Protein backbone atom coordinates (compact mmCIF):
# COMPACT_ATOMS: atom_id res chain seq x y z
CA MET A 1 143.54 121.05 80.10
CA GLY A 2 140.64 119.77 79.16
CA THR A 3 138.73 120.09 75.67
CA GLU A 4 136.19 122.38 74.93
CA PRO A 5 133.01 121.22 74.64
CA THR A 6 131.76 120.06 71.24
CA GLN A 7 127.61 121.60 70.45
CA ARG A 8 126.96 117.73 70.05
CA ASP A 9 128.64 117.04 73.31
CA ILE A 10 125.63 120.67 74.84
CA TYR A 11 123.08 119.39 72.21
CA ASP A 12 123.22 115.84 74.30
CA ARG A 13 123.31 117.56 77.90
CA ILE A 14 120.41 119.01 76.69
CA ALA A 15 118.71 116.64 75.27
CA ALA A 16 119.50 114.38 78.63
CA VAL A 17 117.68 116.95 80.98
CA ASP A 18 114.95 117.18 78.52
CA ASN A 19 114.36 113.65 79.15
CA LYS A 20 114.68 113.81 82.15
CA LEU A 21 111.96 116.65 82.72
CA ASP A 22 109.46 114.82 81.08
CA ALA A 23 110.16 111.89 82.76
CA TYR A 24 109.73 113.68 86.07
CA ILE A 25 106.48 115.87 84.55
CA ALA A 26 104.93 112.29 83.61
CA ARG A 27 105.67 111.51 87.14
CA SER A 28 103.93 114.74 88.31
CA ASP A 29 100.77 114.40 86.57
CA GLU A 30 99.99 110.67 87.88
CA ARG A 31 100.99 111.24 91.23
CA LEU A 32 98.18 114.52 90.61
CA ASP A 33 95.96 112.22 88.57
CA HIS A 34 95.76 110.07 91.93
CA GLY A 35 95.15 112.80 94.38
CA SER A 36 92.91 113.76 92.22
CA ARG A 37 90.79 110.18 92.72
CA GLU A 38 91.57 110.21 96.01
CA LEU A 39 90.31 113.42 97.00
CA GLY A 40 87.59 112.87 95.07
CA ASP A 41 86.75 109.69 96.45
CA HIS A 42 87.10 111.43 100.18
CA GLU A 43 84.50 114.38 99.01
CA ALA A 44 81.52 111.27 98.10
CA ARG A 45 82.16 110.81 101.71
CA ILE A 46 82.36 113.42 103.22
CA ARG A 47 79.29 114.79 100.99
CA LEU A 48 77.58 111.19 101.96
CA LEU A 49 77.64 111.88 105.40
CA GLU A 50 76.06 115.05 105.54
CA GLN A 51 73.97 113.57 103.73
CA ALA A 52 73.19 111.27 106.90
CA LYS A 53 73.83 114.31 109.17
CA TRP A 54 71.20 116.33 107.71
CA LYS A 55 68.64 113.77 107.56
CA ALA A 56 69.73 112.40 111.37
CA ALA A 57 68.58 115.68 112.31
CA GLY A 58 65.39 115.83 110.91
CA ALA A 59 64.45 112.59 111.80
CA ALA A 60 65.82 113.72 115.33
CA ALA A 61 63.91 116.79 115.33
CA ALA A 62 60.25 115.13 113.48
CA MET A 63 61.00 112.64 117.06
CA GLY A 64 60.99 114.89 119.13
CA THR A 65 58.03 117.64 117.51
CA ILE A 66 55.82 113.87 117.97
CA ALA A 67 57.21 113.66 121.43
CA GLY A 68 56.18 117.37 122.41
CA ALA A 69 52.64 117.13 120.55
CA VAL A 70 51.97 113.46 122.98
CA VAL A 71 52.98 114.58 125.81
CA SER A 72 51.20 118.16 125.37
CA TRP A 73 48.54 116.05 124.71
CA LEU A 74 49.07 114.31 127.58
CA LEU A 75 48.90 116.71 129.81
CA GLU A 76 45.74 118.02 128.42
CA ARG A 77 43.94 114.72 129.72
CA HIS A 78 45.30 114.81 132.51
C-alpha cells in the first residue's frame, strides 16, 4: 500500500493550489480591467454618436422650420 501523506505533503499541496488560485485571480483581474477599458471606450463612442444624432435632429428641425417659413412667405406673396 501507499504511504500516508505527511503534514508537509498536505501543506505543499495546499500551497500549490493557493499559488494557482492567486495566478488565476491575477489573470482574471487583468482581463476584467481590460474589459472595463474596452467598455469605457465603447461607451464614449456611443455618447458621441448620441450627441451627433441629437445635434443632427436639432439641425433638421431648424431647417424644417426655416423651410416652412420660407414656403409660407412665398405662398403669401403670390
